[in-house]
């Protein structure tokens, strides 16, 4: 009787090396951001536009922005202890970070979000 040989891939064959998997996982991690505003004031609109531009450039699709209008839902300010507006809260990745203002100083926002080291 002739047996047929079956080919089995080597363990781990076809997989990325651990370093590449870790780098990809780091890139794919989702950033959860909440922007607290009070209506559609010029400062609130500027904060959202600045945040969107920063995210598009530095997080390339690995982010979610939730805009919370405190004129509509004022009780939501208590959960994240919001004392000024506009305020950006980074929920994920942990630790939680907060940035107050219209986010126009890109370098300070990047440092505040821990996307760039303090220089």
C-alpha atoms as a PDB file:
ATOM      1  CA  UNK A   1       0.000   0.000   0.000  1.00  0.00           C
ATOM      2  CA  UNK A   2       1.195   3.394  -0.875  1.00  0.00           C
ATOM      3  CA  UNK A   3       0.534   6.147   1.633  1.00  0.00           C
ATOM      4  CA  UNK A   4       0.058   9.726   0.666  1.00  0.00           C
ATOM      5  CA  UNK A   5       2.164  12.345   2.318  1.00  0.00           C
ATOM      6  CA  UNK A   6       0.317  15.264   3.737  1.00  0.00           C
ATOM      7  CA  UNK A   7       2.035  18.557   3.929  1.00  0.00           C
ATOM      8  CA  UNK A   8       1.631  20.446   7.138  1.00  0.00           C
ATOM      9  CA  UNK A   9       2.887  23.969   7.445  1.00  0.00           C
ATOM     10  CA  UNK A  10       5.551  24.501  10.014  1.00  0.00           C
ATOM     11  CA  UNK A  11       4.300  25.924  13.268  1.00  0.00           C
ATOM     12  CA  UNK A  12       4.084  29.668  12.869  1.00  0.00           C
ATOM     13  CA  UNK A  13       4.678  29.518   9.135  1.00  0.00           C
ATOM     14  CA  UNK A  14       2.942  32.271   7.286  1.00  0.00           C
ATOM     15  CA  UNK A  15       2.615  34.395  10.389  1.00  0.00           C
ATOM     16  CA  UNK A  16       4.315  37.696  10.943  1.00  0.00           C
ATOM     17  CA  UNK A  17       7.227  37.844  13.362  1.00  0.00           C
ATOM     18  CA  UNK A  18       6.229  38.934  16.873  1.00  0.00           C
ATOM     19  CA  UNK A  19       7.708  42.420  16.467  1.00  0.00           C
ATOM     20  CA  UNK A  20       5.702  43.082  13.297  1.00  0.00           C
ATOM     21  CA  UNK A  21       2.497  41.782  14.917  1.00  0.00           C
ATOM     22  CA  UNK A  22       3.056  44.039  17.926  1.00  0.00           C
ATOM     23  CA  UNK A  23       3.705  47.044  15.685  1.00  0.00           C
ATOM     24  CA  UNK A  24       0.547  46.350  13.702  1.00  0.00           C
ATOM     25  CA  UNK A  25      -1.496  45.895  16.874  1.00  0.00           C
ATOM     26  CA  UNK A  26      -0.156  49.206  18.216  1.00  0.00           C
ATOM     27  CA  UNK A  27      -1.166  50.948  14.982  1.00  0.00           C
ATOM     28  CA  UNK A  28      -4.630  49.417  15.036  1.00  0.00           C
ATOM     29  CA  UNK A  29      -5.466  50.360  18.613  1.00  0.00           C
ATOM     30  CA  UNK A  30      -8.549  52.504  18.752  1.00  0.00           C
ATOM     31  CA  UNK A  31      -8.400  55.939  20.314  1.00  0.00           C
ATOM     32  CA  UNK A  32     -11.671  56.882  21.991  1.00  0.00           C
ATOM     33  CA  UNK A  33     -11.978  60.650  22.229  1.00  0.00           C
ATOM     34  CA  UNK A  34     -14.815  62.720  23.713  1.00  0.00           C
ATOM     35  CA  UNK A  35     -15.163  66.390  22.959  1.00  0.00           C
ATOM     36  CA  UNK A  36     -17.374  68.292  25.376  1.00  0.00           C
ATOM     37  CA  UNK A  37     -18.876  71.483  23.931  1.00  0.00           C
ATOM     38  CA  UNK A  38     -21.750  73.869  24.708  1.00  0.00           C
ATOM     39  CA  UNK A  39     -23.662  74.465  21.513  1.00  0.00           C
ATOM     40  CA  UNK A  40     -22.139  75.420  18.199  1.00  0.00           C
ATOM     41  CA  UNK A  41     -20.044  78.341  19.326  1.00  0.00           C
ATOM     42  CA  UNK A  42     -17.038  79.426  17.257  1.00  0.00           C
ATOM     43  CA  UNK A  43     -14.713  77.957  19.892  1.00  0.00           C
ATOM     44  CA  UNK A  44     -16.558  74.623  19.890  1.00  0.00           C
ATOM     45  CA  UNK A  45     -16.523  74.410  16.108  1.00  0.00           C
ATOM     46  CA  UNK A  46     -12.817  75.308  16.024  1.00  0.00           C
ATOM     47  CA  UNK A  47     -12.055  72.636  18.641  1.00  0.00           C
ATOM     48  CA  UNK A  48     -13.827  69.973  16.571  1.00  0.00           C
ATOM     49  CA  UNK A  49     -12.133  71.043  13.324  1.00  0.00           C
ATOM     50  CA  UNK A  50      -8.704  71.110  14.993  1.00  0.00           C
ATOM     51  CA  UNK A  51      -9.272  67.713  16.616  1.00  0.00           C
ATOM     52  CA  UNK A  52     -10.422  66.162  13.330  1.00  0.00           C
ATOM     53  CA  UNK A  53      -7.332  67.492  11.511  1.00  0.00           C
ATOM     54  CA  UNK A  54      -4.982  66.188  14.214  1.00  0.00           C
ATOM     55  CA  UNK A  55      -6.640  62.763  14.209  1.00  0.00           C
ATOM     56  CA  UNK A  56      -6.557  62.456  10.421  1.00  0.00           C
ATOM     57  CA  UNK A  57      -2.867  63.294  10.343  1.00  0.00           C
ATOM     58  CA  UNK A  58      -1.614  61.355  13.371  1.00  0.00           C
ATOM     59  CA  UNK A  59      -4.104  58.536  14.026  1.00  0.00           C
ATOM     60  CA  UNK A  60      -5.075  57.673  10.424  1.00  0.00           C
ATOM     61  CA  UNK A  61      -8.497  56.129  10.955  1.00  0.00           C
ATOM     62  CA  UNK A  62      -7.783  54.483  14.313  1.00  0.00           C
ATOM     63  CA  UNK A  63      -9.961  56.826  16.305  1.00  0.00           C
ATOM     64  CA  UNK A  64     -13.531  57.551  17.294  1.00  0.00           C
ATOM     65  CA  UNK A  65     -14.709  61.036  18.257  1.00  0.00           C
ATOM     66  CA  UNK A  66     -17.828  61.477  20.351  1.00  0.00           C
ATOM     67  CA  UNK A  67     -19.076  65.058  20.592  1.00  0.00           C
ATOM     68  CA  UNK A  68     -21.145  65.763  23.693  1.00  0.00           C
ATOM     69  CA  UNK A  69     -23.154  68.966  23.709  1.00  0.00           C
ATOM     70  CA  UNK A  70     -23.659  69.987  27.319  1.00  0.00           C
ATOM     71  CA  UNK A  71     -26.536  72.296  26.375  1.00  0.00           C
ATOM     72  CA  UNK A  72     -28.450  69.171  25.358  1.00  0.00           C
ATOM     73  CA  UNK A  73     -27.145  66.768  28.047  1.00  0.00           C
ATOM     74  CA  UNK A  74     -25.675  68.770  30.953  1.00  0.00           C
ATOM     75  CA  UNK A  75     -25.718  65.740  33.271  1.00  0.00           C
ATOM     76  CA  UNK A  76     -22.976  64.095  31.185  1.00  0.00           C
ATOM     77  CA  UNK A  77     -20.425  66.636  32.434  1.00  0.00           C
ATOM     78  CA  UNK A  78     -20.406  64.967  35.838  1.00  0.00           C
ATOM     79  CA  UNK A  79     -19.091  61.616  34.604  1.00  0.00           C
ATOM     80  CA  UNK A  80     -15.818  63.030  33.244  1.00  0.00           C
ATOM     81  CA  UNK A  81     -15.712  65.919  35.752  1.00  0.00           C
ATOM     82  CA  UNK A  82     -15.877  68.628  33.098  1.00  0.00           C
ATOM     83  CA  UNK A  83     -15.290  72.103  34.529  1.00  0.00           C
ATOM     84  CA  UNK A  84     -14.583  74.085  31.340  1.00  0.00           C
ATOM     85  CA  UNK A  85     -15.520  73.836  27.689  1.00  0.00           C
ATOM     86  CA  UNK A  86     -14.485  72.859  25.139  1.00  0.00           C
ATOM     87  CA  UNK A  87     -12.714  69.924  26.795  1.00  0.00           C
ATOM     88  CA  UNK A  88     -11.232  66.901  25.053  1.00  0.00           C
ATOM     89  CA  UNK A  89     -11.122  63.654  27.033  1.00  0.00           C
ATOM     90  CA  UNK A  90      -9.015  60.731  25.840  1.00  0.00           C
ATOM     91  CA  UNK A  91     -10.834  57.644  27.169  1.00  0.00           C
ATOM     92  CA  UNK A  92      -8.693  55.067  25.367  1.00  0.00           C
ATOM     93  CA  UNK A  93      -5.874  54.243  25.415  1.00  0.00           C
ATOM     94  CA  UNK A  94      -5.600  54.555  29.153  1.00  0.00           C
ATOM     95  CA  UNK A  95      -4.704  56.579  31.170  1.00  0.00           C
ATOM     96  CA  UNK A  96      -7.466  59.128  30.695  1.00  0.00           C
ATOM     97  CA  UNK A  97      -6.170  62.522  29.575  1.00  0.00           C
ATOM     98  CA  UNK A  98      -7.956  65.894  29.397  1.00  0.00           C
ATOM     99  CA  UNK A  99      -7.184  68.947  27.305  1.00  0.00           C
ATOM    100  CA  UNK A 100      -9.109  72.194  27.721  1.00  0.00           C
ATOM    101  CA  UNK A 101      -9.445  74.763  24.941  1.00  0.00           C
ATOM    102  CA  UNK A 102      -9.974  74.991  21.201  1.00  0.00           C
ATOM    103  CA  UNK A 103      -7.038  72.630  20.443  1.00  0.00           C
ATOM    104  CA  UNK A 104      -5.417  75.212  18.160  1.00  0.00           C
ATOM    105  CA  UNK A 105      -1.899  74.574  19.514  1.00  0.00           C
ATOM    106  CA  UNK A 106      -1.209  71.304  17.721  1.00  0.00           C
ATOM    107  CA  UNK A 107       2.088  70.591  19.492  1.00  0.00           C
ATOM    108  CA  UNK A 108       0.500  70.934  22.935  1.00  0.00           C
ATOM    109  CA  UNK A 109      -2.402  68.703  21.901  1.00  0.00           C
ATOM    110  CA  UNK A 110      -0.017  66.022  20.599  1.00  0.00           C
ATOM    111  CA  UNK A 111       1.921  66.102  23.873  1.00  0.00           C
ATOM    112  CA  UNK A 112      -1.326  66.115  25.866  1.00  0.00           C
ATOM    113  CA  UNK A 113      -2.631  63.085  23.989  1.00  0.00           C
ATOM    114  CA  UNK A 114       0.759  61.397  24.417  1.00  0.00           C
ATOM    115  CA  UNK A 115       1.280  61.210  20.661  1.00  0.00           C
ATOM    116  CA  UNK A 116       4.513  63.173  20.843  1.00  0.00           C
ATOM    117  CA  UNK A 117       7.033  63.445  23.697  1.00  0.00           C
ATOM    118  CA  UNK A 118       7.551  66.706  25.551  1.00  0.00           C
ATOM    119  CA  UNK A 119      10.416  68.656  23.956  1.00  0.00           C
END
